[in-house]
Structure formats: C-alpha cells, structure tokens
Amino acid sequence: MKANEFVKKHGWDAVINAVKSTNAEETATFESTNLDPILSKSGEVIRFNVKVHRIKYEEVKRLVESYELINGLGGYEKAKKAFDELCEHEKDLITCGRVVLTKNELSDALLEYRRANNIFEMDDYIIHDGELKVFAMWSTAIEGCAYIGYAYAEDGEMADKDEFRHATDEEIEAGKRLDSLKEAT
C-alpha cells in the first residue's frame, strides 16, 4: 500500500490527524490492516485473511504537507494558476502569506496532490498495461476516457480512467512499472 492509497482508505482528516499527533522518526511506518474474507462454495465466510500494510511515515507526512500547501493556496485550481503564472513570467519564487515557495516545491506539491486525488494533467507519467506512458488529455467524445501515449513516442491510444494510474518517482526513473514497489504484506 502506498501513501496515496492509505489516504484513500482512511480519508484526509484521519491521516492529517495521525501525522500531526505523531512525533515519529523518519524511519517510522504507519500500519493499515485489511481483512479479506475467505468464502466457502456456498458463499459463507469461513475465516479472514489478514493483511498488514506498512506505509512509510515520511511519505505520508510529505503527502499531507503537499495537501495542506495546495489547500493553503486556495485549492488545486488556484495553486495550478499560481504555478502557471510563475512559469509564464519566468519567476522562481511565490509568496503566500509568510510562506515563500520555489517553483520546484510548488511543482512537486501539485504532483503529489494530483497523485493522491486522481487528477491527471497533460504530460503526467502514468502506468497502463504495465508500461510507462504519458497522459495526453481527457476525451471529449467518451466520458471517463483519456488519450494516452507511450513515453517518448508520438503515437497513442484511448484508455478508461480505471485502466491507468500515476507512475511513482521510482517507476519514472526506471522507465517502467516496478513490481518490487508492491508493499510487503
């Protein structure tokens, strides 16, 4: 289980509360338990298969910080607009109240926010059919479908939103899906 899956399972409020009430070291982990029922042929629950997922505290904390930063800027659309203005005017810093951010910090926070909230922007790296691809744009003809393409290629295809996900930093660096990233149970 990854940090964004942890948030989807437990909700932003619970995760933010957990991070703020924890004085954990960087090497600490959160644990999340799944109880998967094992059914008999007749459909009755025989027992439960218990899966414990360990999620790095540092990753969850970084995700919460990105979430709070984006919301502190007025939400995703306003933060994205601020980033676009930085790029347009070739500036490197943005000030929000007493907070000063670099363009890279804001870019990273926007990406973390998109990953956690299933928001896709043009040129986001995604994993589809086990391969690293690039999100192009949402289809206007078919609701819930998007045009995607292979990373570093001109051609592409259509895919339903449930068929792809954001690629992790490690997968982008490796240029492919990494099965080794699956958390141990």
N, C-alpha and C. Protein backbone atom coordinates (compact mmCIF):
# COMPACT_ATOMS: atom_id res chain seq x y z
N MET A 1 0.85 -1.17 0.00
CA MET A 1 0.00 0.00 0.00
C MET A 1 0.90 1.24 0.00
N LYS A 2 0.58 2.16 -0.87
CA LYS A 2 1.33 3.41 -0.97
C LYS A 2 0.63 4.48 -0.16
N ALA A 3 1.31 5.61 0.05
CA ALA A 3 0.76 6.69 0.87
C ALA A 3 -0.58 7.18 0.33
N ASN A 4 -0.69 7.34 -0.99
CA ASN A 4 -1.97 7.85 -1.53
C ASN A 4 -3.10 6.83 -1.35
N GLU A 5 -2.78 5.53 -1.39
CA GLU A 5 -3.80 4.50 -1.14
C GLU A 5 -4.22 4.53 0.33
N PHE A 6 -3.26 4.80 1.21
CA PHE A 6 -3.52 4.94 2.64
C PHE A 6 -4.51 6.07 2.89
N VAL A 7 -4.32 7.19 2.19
CA VAL A 7 -5.24 8.33 2.31
C VAL A 7 -6.62 7.96 1.78
N LYS A 8 -6.68 7.28 0.64
CA LYS A 8 -7.97 6.89 0.07
C LYS A 8 -8.74 5.97 1.01
N LYS A 9 -8.02 5.09 1.69
CA LYS A 9 -8.68 4.14 2.60
C LYS A 9 -9.18 4.82 3.87
N HIS A 10 -8.37 5.72 4.44
CA HIS A 10 -8.68 6.27 5.76
C HIS A 10 -9.23 7.70 5.72
N GLY A 11 -9.10 8.39 4.60
CA GLY A 11 -9.60 9.76 4.48
C GLY A 11 -8.58 10.79 4.94
N TRP A 12 -8.67 11.97 4.32
CA TRP A 12 -7.71 13.04 4.61
C TRP A 12 -7.71 13.44 6.08
N ASP A 13 -8.90 13.62 6.66
CA ASP A 13 -8.97 14.10 8.05
C ASP A 13 -8.25 13.15 9.00
N ALA A 14 -8.49 11.86 8.87
CA ALA A 14 -7.86 10.88 9.76
C ALA A 14 -6.35 10.84 9.55
N VAL A 15 -5.91 10.91 8.30
CA VAL A 15 -4.47 10.85 8.02
C VAL A 15 -3.77 12.11 8.52
N ILE A 16 -4.37 13.27 8.28
CA ILE A 16 -3.78 14.53 8.78
C ILE A 16 -3.68 14.48 10.30
N ASN A 17 -4.73 14.03 10.96
CA ASN A 17 -4.72 13.92 12.42
C ASN A 17 -3.63 12.96 12.89
N ALA A 18 -3.48 11.84 12.20
CA ALA A 18 -2.45 10.86 12.57
C ALA A 18 -1.05 11.45 12.42
N VAL A 19 -0.81 12.18 11.34
CA VAL A 19 0.52 12.77 11.12
C VAL A 19 0.79 13.85 12.17
N LYS A 20 -0.19 14.70 12.43
CA LYS A 20 0.01 15.81 13.38
C LYS A 20 0.14 15.33 14.82
N SER A 21 -0.45 14.20 15.14
CA SER A 21 -0.39 13.71 16.51
C SER A 21 0.76 12.72 16.72
N THR A 22 1.60 12.57 15.73
CA THR A 22 2.71 11.62 15.80
C THR A 22 4.03 12.36 15.82
N ASN A 23 4.87 12.01 16.75
CA ASN A 23 6.24 12.53 16.78
C ASN A 23 7.18 11.41 16.36
N ALA A 24 6.98 10.93 15.17
CA ALA A 24 7.71 9.76 14.69
C ALA A 24 9.03 10.16 14.05
N GLU A 25 9.93 9.21 14.04
CA GLU A 25 11.19 9.39 13.33
C GLU A 25 10.93 9.16 11.85
N GLU A 26 11.88 9.59 11.03
CA GLU A 26 11.73 9.42 9.58
C GLU A 26 11.63 7.97 9.15
N THR A 27 12.15 7.06 9.96
CA THR A 27 12.14 5.64 9.59
C THR A 27 10.87 4.93 10.04
N ALA A 28 9.97 5.62 10.72
CA ALA A 28 8.75 5.00 11.24
C ALA A 28 7.79 4.66 10.11
N THR A 29 6.82 3.80 10.43
CA THR A 29 5.79 3.44 9.46
C THR A 29 4.41 3.49 10.11
N PHE A 30 3.41 3.72 9.28
CA PHE A 30 2.02 3.52 9.69
C PHE A 30 1.66 2.11 9.27
N GLU A 31 0.70 1.52 9.96
CA GLU A 31 0.20 0.22 9.56
C GLU A 31 -1.28 0.31 9.26
N SER A 32 -1.68 -0.37 8.22
CA SER A 32 -3.09 -0.43 7.84
C SER A 32 -3.43 -1.89 7.61
N THR A 33 -4.53 -2.33 8.18
CA THR A 33 -4.90 -3.74 8.10
C THR A 33 -6.12 -3.94 7.21
N ASN A 34 -6.04 -4.94 6.37
CA ASN A 34 -7.19 -5.36 5.56
C ASN A 34 -7.61 -6.74 6.03
N LEU A 35 -8.91 -6.93 6.17
CA LEU A 35 -9.46 -8.24 6.48
C LEU A 35 -10.19 -8.72 5.24
N ASP A 36 -9.58 -9.63 4.52
CA ASP A 36 -10.19 -10.17 3.31
C ASP A 36 -10.90 -11.48 3.66
N PRO A 37 -12.22 -11.54 3.46
CA PRO A 37 -12.95 -12.77 3.81
C PRO A 37 -12.62 -13.92 2.86
N ILE A 38 -12.51 -15.09 3.42
CA ILE A 38 -12.36 -16.32 2.64
C ILE A 38 -13.71 -17.02 2.71
N LEU A 39 -14.29 -17.23 1.53
CA LEU A 39 -15.65 -17.75 1.46
C LEU A 39 -15.68 -19.23 1.10
N SER A 40 -16.71 -19.91 1.61
CA SER A 40 -16.95 -21.30 1.21
C SER A 40 -17.64 -21.29 -0.14
N LYS A 41 -17.84 -22.47 -0.72
CA LYS A 41 -18.53 -22.57 -2.01
C LYS A 41 -19.95 -22.02 -1.94
N SER A 42 -20.55 -22.09 -0.77
CA SER A 42 -21.92 -21.58 -0.61
C SER A 42 -21.96 -20.08 -0.34
N GLY A 43 -20.78 -19.47 -0.20
CA GLY A 43 -20.73 -18.02 -0.01
C GLY A 43 -20.61 -17.59 1.44
N GLU A 44 -20.51 -18.54 2.36
CA GLU A 44 -20.36 -18.19 3.78
C GLU A 44 -18.90 -17.88 4.09
N VAL A 45 -18.70 -16.96 5.02
CA VAL A 45 -17.34 -16.60 5.44
C VAL A 45 -16.79 -17.72 6.31
N ILE A 46 -15.66 -18.28 5.89
CA ILE A 46 -15.01 -19.34 6.66
C ILE A 46 -14.06 -18.71 7.68
N ARG A 47 -13.24 -17.79 7.19
CA ARG A 47 -12.28 -17.07 8.04
C ARG A 47 -11.83 -15.83 7.28
N PHE A 48 -10.96 -15.07 7.89
CA PHE A 48 -10.45 -13.86 7.26
C PHE A 48 -8.95 -13.99 7.04
N ASN A 49 -8.52 -13.51 5.90
CA ASN A 49 -7.10 -13.40 5.61
C ASN A 49 -6.69 -11.99 6.03
N VAL A 50 -5.78 -11.89 6.97
CA VAL A 50 -5.36 -10.59 7.50
C VAL A 50 -4.11 -10.13 6.76
N LYS A 51 -4.19 -8.94 6.19
CA LYS A 51 -3.03 -8.35 5.51
C LYS A 51 -2.67 -7.06 6.23
N VAL A 52 -1.42 -6.94 6.62
CA VAL A 52 -0.94 -5.72 7.27
C VAL A 52 -0.03 -5.01 6.28
N HIS A 53 -0.37 -3.76 5.99
CA HIS A 53 0.43 -2.95 5.08
C HIS A 53 1.21 -1.93 5.89
N ARG A 54 2.48 -1.78 5.59
CA ARG A 54 3.31 -0.78 6.25
C ARG A 54 3.59 0.35 5.26
N ILE A 55 3.28 1.56 5.68
CA ILE A 55 3.46 2.73 4.83
C ILE A 55 4.44 3.66 5.54
N LYS A 56 5.45 4.09 4.82
CA LYS A 56 6.48 4.94 5.42
C LYS A 56 5.89 6.25 5.91
N TYR A 57 6.18 6.58 7.17
CA TYR A 57 5.70 7.82 7.78
C TYR A 57 6.14 9.03 6.96
N GLU A 58 7.38 9.01 6.51
CA GLU A 58 7.92 10.14 5.74
C GLU A 58 7.10 10.40 4.48
N GLU A 59 6.66 9.34 3.79
CA GLU A 59 5.86 9.51 2.57
C GLU A 59 4.48 10.06 2.88
N VAL A 60 3.88 9.59 3.96
CA VAL A 60 2.55 10.08 4.35
C VAL A 60 2.66 11.54 4.78
N LYS A 61 3.69 11.86 5.54
CA LYS A 61 3.89 13.24 6.00
C LYS A 61 4.07 14.18 4.81
N ARG A 62 4.88 13.77 3.83
CA ARG A 62 5.10 14.60 2.64
C ARG A 62 3.79 14.82 1.88
N LEU A 63 2.97 13.79 1.80
CA LEU A 63 1.69 13.90 1.12
C LEU A 63 0.76 14.87 1.85
N VAL A 64 0.73 14.79 3.17
CA VAL A 64 -0.09 15.70 3.98
C VAL A 64 0.41 17.14 3.81
N GLU A 65 1.72 17.34 3.81
CA GLU A 65 2.27 18.68 3.62
C GLU A 65 1.87 19.25 2.26
N SER A 66 1.91 18.43 1.22
CA SER A 66 1.50 18.88 -0.11
C SER A 66 0.03 19.24 -0.13
N TYR A 67 -0.78 18.40 0.49
CA TYR A 67 -2.23 18.63 0.56
C TYR A 67 -2.52 19.96 1.25
N GLU A 68 -1.87 20.19 2.39
CA GLU A 68 -2.11 21.42 3.14
C GLU A 68 -1.58 22.64 2.40
N LEU A 69 -0.47 22.49 1.71
CA LEU A 69 0.09 23.60 0.93
C LEU A 69 -0.87 24.00 -0.19
N ILE A 70 -1.34 23.02 -0.94
CA ILE A 70 -2.25 23.31 -2.06
C ILE A 70 -3.55 23.93 -1.54
N ASN A 71 -4.09 23.39 -0.47
CA ASN A 71 -5.31 23.97 0.10
C ASN A 71 -5.06 25.35 0.69
N GLY A 72 -3.85 25.58 1.23
CA GLY A 72 -3.49 26.90 1.75
C GLY A 72 -3.40 27.95 0.65
N LEU A 73 -3.17 27.51 -0.56
CA LEU A 73 -3.13 28.43 -1.71
C LEU A 73 -4.51 28.62 -2.32
N GLY A 74 -5.52 28.01 -1.72
CA GLY A 74 -6.89 28.19 -2.21
C GLY A 74 -7.42 27.02 -3.00
N GLY A 75 -6.73 25.90 -2.99
CA GLY A 75 -7.17 24.72 -3.72
C GLY A 75 -6.33 24.47 -4.96
N TYR A 76 -6.59 23.34 -5.60
CA TYR A 76 -5.75 22.91 -6.72
C TYR A 76 -5.76 23.91 -7.87
N GLU A 77 -6.93 24.37 -8.27
CA GLU A 77 -7.02 25.27 -9.43
C GLU A 77 -6.23 26.56 -9.21
N LYS A 78 -6.34 27.15 -8.02
CA LYS A 78 -5.62 28.39 -7.72
C LYS A 78 -4.11 28.13 -7.64
N ALA A 79 -3.73 27.02 -7.04
CA ALA A 79 -2.31 26.69 -6.94
C ALA A 79 -1.73 26.44 -8.33
N LYS A 80 -2.48 25.75 -9.19
CA LYS A 80 -2.03 25.50 -10.57
C LYS A 80 -1.90 26.81 -11.33
N LYS A 81 -2.85 27.71 -11.13
CA LYS A 81 -2.80 29.02 -11.79
C LYS A 81 -1.56 29.79 -11.32
N ALA A 82 -1.27 29.75 -10.03
CA ALA A 82 -0.08 30.42 -9.49
C ALA A 82 1.18 29.83 -10.11
N PHE A 83 1.21 28.50 -10.26
CA PHE A 83 2.38 27.85 -10.87
C PHE A 83 2.52 28.26 -12.34
N ASP A 84 1.40 28.27 -13.06
CA ASP A 84 1.43 28.67 -14.48
C ASP A 84 1.93 30.11 -14.63
N GLU A 85 1.53 30.98 -13.70
CA GLU A 85 1.99 32.37 -13.74
C GLU A 85 3.48 32.47 -13.46
N LEU A 86 3.99 31.65 -12.54
CA LEU A 86 5.43 31.61 -12.29
C LEU A 86 6.18 31.24 -13.57
N CYS A 87 5.68 30.22 -14.24
CA CYS A 87 6.32 29.77 -15.49
C CYS A 87 6.23 30.84 -16.57
N GLU A 88 5.07 31.45 -16.70
CA GLU A 88 4.85 32.46 -17.74
C GLU A 88 5.76 33.67 -17.55
N HIS A 89 5.95 34.08 -16.31
CA HIS A 89 6.77 35.27 -16.03
C HIS A 89 8.22 34.91 -15.69
N GLU A 90 8.56 33.63 -15.87
CA GLU A 90 9.91 33.13 -15.64
C GLU A 90 10.44 33.52 -14.26
N LYS A 91 9.60 33.34 -13.25
CA LYS A 91 9.99 33.59 -11.87
C LYS A 91 10.20 32.26 -11.17
N ASP A 92 10.96 32.31 -10.08
CA ASP A 92 11.27 31.08 -9.35
C ASP A 92 10.64 31.01 -7.97
N LEU A 93 10.09 32.12 -7.46
CA LEU A 93 9.54 32.15 -6.11
C LEU A 93 8.11 32.66 -6.10
N ILE A 94 7.32 32.12 -5.19
CA ILE A 94 5.96 32.61 -4.96
C ILE A 94 5.80 32.82 -3.46
N THR A 95 5.12 33.88 -3.09
CA THR A 95 4.87 34.19 -1.69
C THR A 95 3.38 34.03 -1.40
N CYS A 96 3.08 33.32 -0.34
CA CYS A 96 1.69 33.13 0.10
C CYS A 96 1.67 33.39 1.60
N GLY A 97 1.24 34.59 1.98
CA GLY A 97 1.31 34.96 3.40
C GLY A 97 2.76 35.04 3.82
N ARG A 98 3.13 34.26 4.83
CA ARG A 98 4.52 34.23 5.29
C ARG A 98 5.33 33.11 4.64
N VAL A 99 4.69 32.35 3.79
CA VAL A 99 5.35 31.21 3.16
C VAL A 99 5.92 31.62 1.80
N VAL A 100 7.19 31.29 1.59
CA VAL A 100 7.84 31.52 0.30
C VAL A 100 8.18 30.15 -0.28
N LEU A 101 7.73 29.91 -1.50
CA LEU A 101 7.95 28.63 -2.16
C LEU A 101 8.74 28.81 -3.43
N THR A 102 9.56 27.82 -3.75
CA THR A 102 10.21 27.82 -5.05
C THR A 102 9.26 27.19 -6.06
N LYS A 103 9.54 27.43 -7.32
CA LYS A 103 8.73 26.84 -8.39
C LYS A 103 8.78 25.32 -8.29
N ASN A 104 9.95 24.76 -7.99
CA ASN A 104 10.08 23.30 -7.88
C ASN A 104 9.26 22.74 -6.71
N GLU A 105 9.25 23.45 -5.57
CA GLU A 105 8.46 22.99 -4.43
C GLU A 105 6.98 22.97 -4.77
N LEU A 106 6.52 24.01 -5.45
CA LEU A 106 5.11 24.07 -5.83
C LEU A 106 4.79 23.00 -6.87
N SER A 107 5.69 22.79 -7.82
CA SER A 107 5.50 21.75 -8.83
C SER A 107 5.39 20.37 -8.17
N ASP A 108 6.29 20.08 -7.22
CA ASP A 108 6.26 18.80 -6.52
C ASP A 108 4.97 18.63 -5.72
N ALA A 109 4.53 19.70 -5.05
CA ALA A 109 3.30 19.64 -4.25
C ALA A 109 2.09 19.40 -5.15
N LEU A 110 2.06 20.06 -6.30
CA LEU A 110 0.95 19.85 -7.25
C LEU A 110 0.91 18.40 -7.72
N LEU A 111 2.08 17.83 -8.03
CA LEU A 111 2.13 16.44 -8.49
C LEU A 111 1.67 15.49 -7.39
N GLU A 112 2.15 15.68 -6.16
CA GLU A 112 1.71 14.83 -5.04
C GLU A 112 0.20 14.92 -4.85
N TYR A 113 -0.33 16.12 -4.96
CA TYR A 113 -1.77 16.34 -4.81
C TYR A 113 -2.53 15.61 -5.91
N ARG A 114 -2.03 15.71 -7.16
CA ARG A 114 -2.69 15.01 -8.27
C ARG A 114 -2.66 13.51 -8.05
N ARG A 115 -1.52 12.99 -7.62
CA ARG A 115 -1.40 11.55 -7.40
C ARG A 115 -2.39 11.08 -6.33
N ALA A 116 -2.54 11.85 -5.27
CA ALA A 116 -3.42 11.45 -4.17
C ALA A 116 -4.89 11.60 -4.51
N ASN A 117 -5.21 12.46 -5.45
CA ASN A 117 -6.61 12.77 -5.75
C ASN A 117 -7.04 12.35 -7.16
N ASN A 118 -6.23 11.52 -7.82
CA ASN A 118 -6.55 11.04 -9.18
C ASN A 118 -6.85 12.17 -10.15
N ILE A 119 -6.03 13.19 -10.11
CA ILE A 119 -6.11 14.29 -11.06
C ILE A 119 -4.98 14.09 -12.05
N PHE A 120 -5.28 14.18 -13.33
CA PHE A 120 -4.27 13.97 -14.36
C PHE A 120 -4.14 15.22 -15.21
N GLU A 121 -2.91 15.63 -15.45
CA GLU A 121 -2.60 16.78 -16.30
C GLU A 121 -1.79 16.28 -17.49
N MET A 122 -1.79 17.06 -18.55
CA MET A 122 -1.01 16.70 -19.72
C MET A 122 0.46 16.48 -19.33
N ASP A 123 1.04 15.44 -19.87
CA ASP A 123 2.44 15.04 -19.67
C ASP A 123 2.71 14.38 -18.32
N ASP A 124 1.69 14.08 -17.52
CA ASP A 124 1.91 13.28 -16.32
C ASP A 124 2.29 11.87 -16.75
N TYR A 125 3.26 11.29 -16.09
CA TYR A 125 3.62 9.91 -16.36
C TYR A 125 2.62 8.99 -15.67
N ILE A 126 2.19 7.97 -16.40
CA ILE A 126 1.20 7.03 -15.89
C ILE A 126 1.68 5.60 -16.16
N ILE A 127 1.05 4.66 -15.46
CA ILE A 127 1.27 3.24 -15.73
C ILE A 127 -0.02 2.69 -16.31
N HIS A 128 0.08 2.10 -17.50
CA HIS A 128 -1.06 1.50 -18.20
C HIS A 128 -0.57 0.20 -18.82
N ASP A 129 -1.28 -0.89 -18.59
CA ASP A 129 -0.88 -2.21 -19.09
C ASP A 129 0.56 -2.54 -18.71
N GLY A 130 0.97 -2.14 -17.51
CA GLY A 130 2.30 -2.45 -17.01
C GLY A 130 3.42 -1.64 -17.62
N GLU A 131 3.09 -0.65 -18.44
CA GLU A 131 4.12 0.14 -19.11
C GLU A 131 4.02 1.61 -18.71
N LEU A 132 5.17 2.27 -18.78
CA LEU A 132 5.22 3.70 -18.53
C LEU A 132 4.70 4.43 -19.76
N LYS A 133 3.69 5.26 -19.56
CA LYS A 133 3.11 6.03 -20.66
C LYS A 133 2.90 7.46 -20.19
N VAL A 134 2.38 8.29 -21.07
CA VAL A 134 2.16 9.70 -20.77
C VAL A 134 0.69 10.03 -20.96
N PHE A 135 0.11 10.76 -19.99
CA PHE A 135 -1.27 11.22 -20.11
C PHE A 135 -1.29 12.38 -21.09
N ALA A 136 -2.20 12.34 -22.05
CA ALA A 136 -2.30 13.41 -23.04
C ALA A 136 -3.45 14.35 -22.70
N MET A 137 -4.67 13.83 -22.72
CA MET A 137 -5.83 14.67 -22.39
C MET A 137 -7.07 13.81 -22.25
N TRP A 138 -8.08 14.36 -21.56
CA TRP A 138 -9.35 13.66 -21.44
C TRP A 138 -10.09 13.72 -22.76
N SER A 139 -10.78 12.67 -23.08
CA SER A 139 -11.58 12.63 -24.30
C SER A 139 -12.84 13.46 -24.11
N THR A 140 -13.18 14.22 -25.13
CA THR A 140 -14.45 14.96 -25.09
C THR A 140 -15.57 14.11 -25.69
N ALA A 141 -15.20 13.04 -26.38
CA ALA A 141 -16.19 12.19 -27.04
C ALA A 141 -16.70 11.07 -26.12
N ILE A 142 -15.82 10.52 -25.29
CA ILE A 142 -16.19 9.39 -24.44
C ILE A 142 -15.89 9.75 -22.99
N GLU A 143 -16.92 9.89 -22.19
CA GLU A 143 -16.74 10.28 -20.79
C GLU A 143 -15.92 9.23 -20.03
N GLY A 144 -14.97 9.70 -19.23
CA GLY A 144 -14.16 8.81 -18.42
C GLY A 144 -13.00 8.19 -19.16
N CYS A 145 -12.80 8.55 -20.41
CA CYS A 145 -11.68 8.01 -21.19
C CYS A 145 -10.68 9.12 -21.48
N ALA A 146 -9.44 8.71 -21.68
CA ALA A 146 -8.38 9.67 -21.94
C ALA A 146 -7.50 9.18 -23.08
N TYR A 147 -6.86 10.12 -23.74
CA TYR A 147 -5.84 9.79 -24.72
C TYR A 147 -4.53 9.66 -23.98
N ILE A 148 -3.85 8.55 -24.19
CA ILE A 148 -2.56 8.33 -23.56
C ILE A 148 -1.59 7.86 -24.62
N GLY A 149 -0.31 8.01 -24.34
CA GLY A 149 0.70 7.59 -25.29
C GLY A 149 1.89 7.00 -24.58
N TYR A 150 2.76 6.38 -25.35
CA TYR A 150 3.98 5.84 -24.78
C TYR A 150 4.93 6.98 -24.47
N ALA A 151 5.63 6.86 -23.36
CA ALA A 151 6.61 7.88 -23.02
C ALA A 151 7.63 7.97 -24.15
N TYR A 152 7.95 9.17 -24.55
CA TYR A 152 8.94 9.45 -25.59
C TYR A 152 8.50 8.96 -26.97
N ALA A 153 7.20 8.90 -27.23
CA ALA A 153 6.72 8.45 -28.54
C ALA A 153 5.60 9.37 -29.02
N GLU A 154 5.32 9.31 -30.30
CA GLU A 154 4.30 10.16 -30.90
C GLU A 154 2.92 9.51 -30.94
N ASP A 155 2.85 8.17 -30.97
CA ASP A 155 1.57 7.51 -31.13
C ASP A 155 0.88 7.32 -29.77
N GLY A 156 -0.40 6.98 -29.82
CA GLY A 156 -1.13 6.81 -28.57
C GLY A 156 -2.38 5.97 -28.75
N GLU A 157 -3.21 5.97 -27.71
CA GLU A 157 -4.42 5.17 -27.69
C GLU A 157 -5.40 5.77 -26.70
N MET A 158 -6.61 5.21 -26.66
CA MET A 158 -7.62 5.61 -25.68
C MET A 158 -7.61 4.61 -24.53
N ALA A 159 -7.86 5.09 -23.32
CA ALA A 159 -7.94 4.20 -22.17
C ALA A 159 -8.96 4.75 -21.18
N ASP A 160 -9.67 3.84 -20.52
CA ASP A 160 -10.61 4.24 -19.48
C ASP A 160 -9.83 4.67 -18.24
N LYS A 161 -10.38 5.60 -17.47
CA LYS A 161 -9.69 6.14 -16.30
C LYS A 161 -9.35 5.07 -15.26
N ASP A 162 -10.07 3.96 -15.25
CA ASP A 162 -9.79 2.89 -14.30
C ASP A 162 -8.65 1.98 -14.76
N GLU A 163 -8.14 2.20 -15.97
CA GLU A 163 -7.09 1.34 -16.51
C GLU A 163 -5.69 1.90 -16.32
N PHE A 164 -5.56 3.10 -15.75
CA PHE A 164 -4.22 3.65 -15.54
C PHE A 164 -4.15 4.38 -14.22
N ARG A 165 -2.93 4.59 -13.76
CA ARG A 165 -2.67 5.30 -12.51
C ARG A 165 -1.40 6.12 -12.69
N HIS A 166 -1.18 7.04 -11.76
CA HIS A 166 0.05 7.82 -11.79
C HIS A 166 1.25 6.90 -11.57
N ALA A 167 2.32 7.16 -12.28
CA ALA A 167 3.57 6.44 -12.05
C ALA A 167 4.26 7.05 -10.83
N THR A 168 4.98 6.22 -10.09
CA THR A 168 5.75 6.72 -8.96
C THR A 168 7.07 7.31 -9.47
N ASP A 169 7.75 8.04 -8.61
CA ASP A 169 9.05 8.59 -9.00
C ASP A 169 10.03 7.48 -9.38
N GLU A 170 9.98 6.38 -8.63
CA GLU A 170 10.89 5.26 -8.91
C GLU A 170 10.59 4.63 -10.27
N GLU A 171 9.32 4.51 -10.62
CA GLU A 171 8.94 3.95 -11.91
C GLU A 171 9.35 4.87 -13.06
N ILE A 172 9.21 6.17 -12.86
CA ILE A 172 9.62 7.13 -13.89
C ILE A 172 11.12 7.03 -14.11
N GLU A 173 11.86 6.95 -13.02
CA GLU A 173 13.32 6.84 -13.13
C GLU A 173 13.73 5.55 -13.84
N ALA A 174 13.02 4.45 -13.53
CA ALA A 174 13.34 3.15 -14.15
C ALA A 174 12.79 3.04 -15.57
N GLY A 175 11.80 3.86 -15.91
CA GLY A 175 11.21 3.82 -17.24
C GLY A 175 10.23 2.68 -17.44
N LYS A 176 9.72 2.12 -16.32
CA LYS A 176 8.78 1.00 -16.42
C LYS A 176 8.08 0.80 -15.08
N ARG A 177 7.05 -0.04 -15.09
CA ARG A 177 6.37 -0.43 -13.85
C ARG A 177 7.33 -1.27 -13.03
N LEU A 178 7.34 -1.03 -11.74
CA LEU A 178 8.21 -1.80 -10.85
C LEU A 178 7.35 -2.63 -9.91
N ASP A 179 7.31 -3.93 -10.14
CA ASP A 179 6.55 -4.81 -9.26
C ASP A 179 7.15 -4.86 -7.88
N SER A 180 8.45 -4.59 -7.79
CA SER A 180 9.12 -4.63 -6.49
C SER A 180 8.63 -3.53 -5.57
N LEU A 181 7.87 -2.56 -6.11
CA LEU A 181 7.35 -1.49 -5.27
C LEU A 181 6.14 -1.92 -4.47
N LYS A 182 5.59 -3.09 -4.77
CA LYS A 182 4.45 -3.56 -4.01
C LYS A 182 4.89 -3.74 -2.56
N GLU A 183 4.14 -3.17 -1.64
CA GLU A 183 4.48 -3.25 -0.23
C GLU A 183 4.33 -4.69 0.25
N ALA A 184 5.23 -5.08 1.14
CA ALA A 184 5.15 -6.41 1.72
C ALA A 184 3.94 -6.50 2.62
N THR A 185 3.32 -7.65 2.61
CA THR A 185 2.14 -7.82 3.47
C THR A 185 2.51 -8.60 4.70
